[in-house]
Amino acid sequence: MGICKKGDSLIINPCIPFDWEHYMAIYQFLDTVYEVNVYQEEAKTKLIKSVYCDNQLIPTNEILMKNDKQHHKIDVIIG
């Protein structure tokens, strides 16, 4: 799936079959939930176009996790 933990970070390098449009994974970090959604656009390339954390565009595919007991939504657009 292309999601791995490194220290207190999630590194997202999506690996998705060409015929999938989307996949979702839930990662539990202590008392905090990270919901990762990967969306594949029509171009069908594996390049990351954008990453959002809680609807805020972020400049990297590395998510620094905090144990704030919240539910965080990560959206990754590839294509």
N, C-alpha and C. Protein backbone atom coordinates (compact mmCIF):
# COMPACT_ATOMS: atom_id res chain seq x y z
N MET A 1 0.81 -1.20 0.00
CA MET A 1 0.00 0.00 0.00
C MET A 1 0.85 1.26 0.00
N GLY A 2 2.09 1.15 0.42
CA GLY A 2 2.97 2.30 0.36
C GLY A 2 2.88 3.23 1.55
N ILE A 3 2.51 2.71 2.72
CA ILE A 3 2.43 3.51 3.94
C ILE A 3 3.34 2.85 4.96
N CYS A 4 4.31 3.60 5.49
CA CYS A 4 5.19 3.01 6.50
C CYS A 4 5.45 4.01 7.61
N LYS A 5 5.71 3.48 8.79
CA LYS A 5 5.99 4.30 9.96
C LYS A 5 7.50 4.42 10.13
N LYS A 6 7.97 5.65 10.37
CA LYS A 6 9.38 5.89 10.64
C LYS A 6 9.43 6.84 11.83
N GLY A 7 9.76 6.31 13.00
CA GLY A 7 9.71 7.11 14.22
C GLY A 7 8.29 7.55 14.50
N ASP A 8 8.07 8.84 14.64
CA ASP A 8 6.73 9.38 14.87
C ASP A 8 6.10 9.91 13.59
N SER A 9 6.57 9.45 12.44
CA SER A 9 6.04 9.91 11.16
C SER A 9 5.45 8.76 10.35
N LEU A 10 4.46 9.10 9.55
CA LEU A 10 3.97 8.19 8.51
C LEU A 10 4.52 8.69 7.19
N ILE A 11 5.16 7.81 6.45
CA ILE A 11 5.68 8.14 5.12
C ILE A 11 4.73 7.48 4.12
N ILE A 12 4.20 8.29 3.21
CA ILE A 12 3.21 7.78 2.26
C ILE A 12 3.79 7.84 0.85
N ASN A 13 4.04 6.67 0.28
CA ASN A 13 4.49 6.49 -1.10
C ASN A 13 3.53 5.48 -1.72
N PRO A 14 2.38 5.96 -2.21
CA PRO A 14 1.32 5.05 -2.63
C PRO A 14 1.74 4.05 -3.70
N CYS A 15 1.29 2.84 -3.49
CA CYS A 15 1.46 1.76 -4.46
C CYS A 15 0.06 1.21 -4.71
N ILE A 16 -0.46 1.47 -5.89
CA ILE A 16 -1.85 1.15 -6.17
C ILE A 16 -1.97 0.57 -7.58
N PRO A 17 -2.72 -0.52 -7.75
CA PRO A 17 -2.92 -1.05 -9.10
C PRO A 17 -3.59 -0.01 -10.01
N PHE A 18 -3.26 -0.06 -11.30
CA PHE A 18 -3.80 0.91 -12.24
C PHE A 18 -5.32 0.91 -12.32
N ASP A 19 -5.95 -0.22 -12.03
CA ASP A 19 -7.41 -0.28 -12.16
C ASP A 19 -8.14 0.12 -10.87
N TRP A 20 -7.42 0.50 -9.83
CA TRP A 20 -8.05 1.00 -8.60
C TRP A 20 -8.14 2.53 -8.69
N GLU A 21 -9.25 3.07 -8.26
CA GLU A 21 -9.42 4.52 -8.21
C GLU A 21 -9.08 5.08 -6.83
N HIS A 22 -9.19 4.22 -5.80
CA HIS A 22 -9.07 4.71 -4.43
C HIS A 22 -8.77 3.55 -3.49
N TYR A 23 -8.06 3.85 -2.42
CA TYR A 23 -8.02 2.92 -1.29
C TYR A 23 -7.89 3.73 -0.01
N MET A 24 -8.26 3.09 1.08
CA MET A 24 -8.25 3.74 2.38
C MET A 24 -7.61 2.80 3.39
N ALA A 25 -6.81 3.38 4.28
CA ALA A 25 -6.18 2.61 5.35
C ALA A 25 -6.32 3.40 6.64
N ILE A 26 -6.52 2.69 7.72
CA ILE A 26 -6.60 3.31 9.05
C ILE A 26 -5.33 2.94 9.81
N TYR A 27 -4.68 3.95 10.39
CA TYR A 27 -3.50 3.73 11.20
C TYR A 27 -3.77 4.28 12.59
N GLN A 28 -3.60 3.43 13.60
CA GLN A 28 -3.81 3.83 14.99
C GLN A 28 -2.45 4.16 15.60
N PHE A 29 -2.27 5.40 16.04
CA PHE A 29 -1.05 5.84 16.70
C PHE A 29 -1.41 6.18 18.14
N LEU A 30 -1.11 5.25 19.04
CA LEU A 30 -1.48 5.37 20.45
C LEU A 30 -2.99 5.61 20.55
N ASP A 31 -3.43 6.80 21.00
CA ASP A 31 -4.86 7.09 21.14
C ASP A 31 -5.42 7.91 19.97
N THR A 32 -4.67 8.01 18.89
CA THR A 32 -5.03 8.87 17.76
C THR A 32 -5.19 8.03 16.50
N VAL A 33 -6.20 8.36 15.70
CA VAL A 33 -6.48 7.65 14.45
C VAL A 33 -6.08 8.51 13.26
N TYR A 34 -5.37 7.90 12.32
CA TYR A 34 -5.02 8.54 11.05
C TYR A 34 -5.70 7.74 9.94
N GLU A 35 -6.61 8.39 9.23
CA GLU A 35 -7.31 7.78 8.10
C GLU A 35 -6.63 8.27 6.83
N VAL A 36 -6.02 7.35 6.10
CA VAL A 36 -5.28 7.70 4.89
C VAL A 36 -6.10 7.26 3.68
N ASN A 37 -6.44 8.22 2.82
CA ASN A 37 -7.16 7.96 1.58
C ASN A 37 -6.25 8.30 0.41
N VAL A 38 -6.09 7.36 -0.51
CA VAL A 38 -5.29 7.59 -1.71
C VAL A 38 -6.23 7.55 -2.90
N TYR A 39 -6.19 8.61 -3.71
CA TYR A 39 -7.05 8.74 -4.90
C TYR A 39 -6.16 8.77 -6.13
N GLN A 40 -6.49 7.91 -7.10
CA GLN A 40 -5.74 7.85 -8.35
C GLN A 40 -6.55 8.53 -9.44
N GLU A 41 -5.96 9.56 -10.06
CA GLU A 41 -6.65 10.28 -11.12
C GLU A 41 -6.47 9.57 -12.46
N GLU A 42 -7.09 10.11 -13.48
CA GLU A 42 -7.12 9.48 -14.80
C GLU A 42 -5.75 9.21 -15.42
N ALA A 43 -4.76 10.04 -15.11
CA ALA A 43 -3.46 9.92 -15.77
C ALA A 43 -2.79 8.57 -15.50
N LYS A 44 -3.15 7.95 -14.39
CA LYS A 44 -2.63 6.62 -14.04
C LYS A 44 -1.11 6.57 -13.90
N THR A 45 -0.54 7.64 -13.38
CA THR A 45 0.88 7.60 -13.03
C THR A 45 0.98 7.43 -11.52
N LYS A 46 2.15 7.16 -11.05
CA LYS A 46 2.34 6.93 -9.62
C LYS A 46 2.88 8.16 -8.89
N LEU A 47 2.93 9.30 -9.56
CA LEU A 47 3.47 10.51 -8.95
C LEU A 47 2.47 11.14 -8.00
N ILE A 48 2.95 11.58 -6.85
CA ILE A 48 2.10 12.28 -5.88
C ILE A 48 1.88 13.70 -6.38
N LYS A 49 0.60 14.08 -6.55
CA LYS A 49 0.28 15.44 -6.98
C LYS A 49 0.06 16.35 -5.78
N SER A 50 -0.60 15.84 -4.74
CA SER A 50 -0.85 16.66 -3.55
C SER A 50 -1.17 15.77 -2.35
N VAL A 51 -0.88 16.34 -1.16
CA VAL A 51 -1.16 15.66 0.10
C VAL A 51 -1.86 16.67 1.01
N TYR A 52 -2.96 16.25 1.60
CA TYR A 52 -3.72 17.08 2.52
C TYR A 52 -3.79 16.38 3.87
N CYS A 53 -3.62 17.15 4.93
CA CYS A 53 -3.82 16.66 6.29
C CYS A 53 -4.90 17.52 6.92
N ASP A 54 -6.01 16.90 7.25
CA ASP A 54 -7.16 17.62 7.81
C ASP A 54 -7.54 18.81 6.93
N ASN A 55 -7.62 18.55 5.61
CA ASN A 55 -8.03 19.52 4.58
C ASN A 55 -7.05 20.67 4.37
N GLN A 56 -5.83 20.54 4.90
CA GLN A 56 -4.80 21.55 4.69
C GLN A 56 -3.71 20.96 3.79
N LEU A 57 -3.42 21.64 2.68
CA LEU A 57 -2.36 21.19 1.78
C LEU A 57 -1.03 21.23 2.52
N ILE A 58 -0.27 20.13 2.43
CA ILE A 58 1.04 20.09 3.06
C ILE A 58 2.09 19.82 1.98
N PRO A 59 3.34 20.27 2.20
CA PRO A 59 4.36 20.20 1.15
C PRO A 59 5.13 18.88 1.06
N THR A 60 4.74 17.88 1.83
CA THR A 60 5.52 16.65 1.88
C THR A 60 4.60 15.44 2.01
N ASN A 61 5.17 14.27 1.78
CA ASN A 61 4.42 13.02 1.96
C ASN A 61 4.71 12.39 3.33
N GLU A 62 5.35 13.15 4.21
CA GLU A 62 5.66 12.69 5.56
C GLU A 62 4.74 13.40 6.56
N ILE A 63 3.97 12.62 7.29
CA ILE A 63 3.02 13.14 8.27
C ILE A 63 3.60 12.93 9.67
N LEU A 64 3.87 14.02 10.37
CA LEU A 64 4.34 13.91 11.75
C LEU A 64 3.12 13.64 12.64
N MET A 65 3.12 12.48 13.29
CA MET A 65 1.98 12.07 14.09
C MET A 65 2.10 12.61 15.51
N LYS A 66 0.96 13.03 16.05
CA LYS A 66 0.87 13.49 17.44
C LYS A 66 -0.22 12.67 18.13
N ASN A 67 0.00 12.35 19.37
CA ASN A 67 -1.02 11.63 20.12
C ASN A 67 -1.97 12.64 20.76
N ASP A 68 -2.85 13.22 19.94
CA ASP A 68 -3.79 14.23 20.44
C ASP A 68 -5.21 13.69 20.60
N LYS A 69 -5.35 12.37 20.47
CA LYS A 69 -6.63 11.68 20.68
C LYS A 69 -7.73 12.15 19.72
N GLN A 70 -7.32 12.56 18.53
CA GLN A 70 -8.25 13.01 17.49
C GLN A 70 -8.27 12.01 16.34
N HIS A 71 -9.18 12.25 15.40
CA HIS A 71 -9.26 11.48 14.16
C HIS A 71 -8.78 12.42 13.05
N HIS A 72 -7.65 12.07 12.42
CA HIS A 72 -7.08 12.90 11.37
C HIS A 72 -7.30 12.25 10.01
N LYS A 73 -7.61 13.07 9.01
CA LYS A 73 -7.83 12.57 7.66
C LYS A 73 -6.70 13.05 6.76
N ILE A 74 -6.05 12.08 6.13
CA ILE A 74 -4.98 12.34 5.18
C ILE A 74 -5.50 11.97 3.79
N ASP A 75 -5.44 12.90 2.85
CA ASP A 75 -5.84 12.64 1.46
C ASP A 75 -4.63 12.81 0.57
N VAL A 76 -4.34 11.79 -0.23
CA VAL A 76 -3.21 11.81 -1.15
C VAL A 76 -3.77 11.64 -2.57
N ILE A 77 -3.38 12.55 -3.45
CA ILE A 77 -3.82 12.50 -4.85
C ILE A 77 -2.61 12.12 -5.70
N ILE A 78 -2.75 11.04 -6.47
CA ILE A 78 -1.69 10.66 -7.40
C ILE A 78 -2.26 10.66 -8.81
N GLY A 79 -1.36 10.78 -9.76
CA GLY A 79 -1.82 10.74 -11.15
C GLY A 79 -1.06 11.67 -12.02
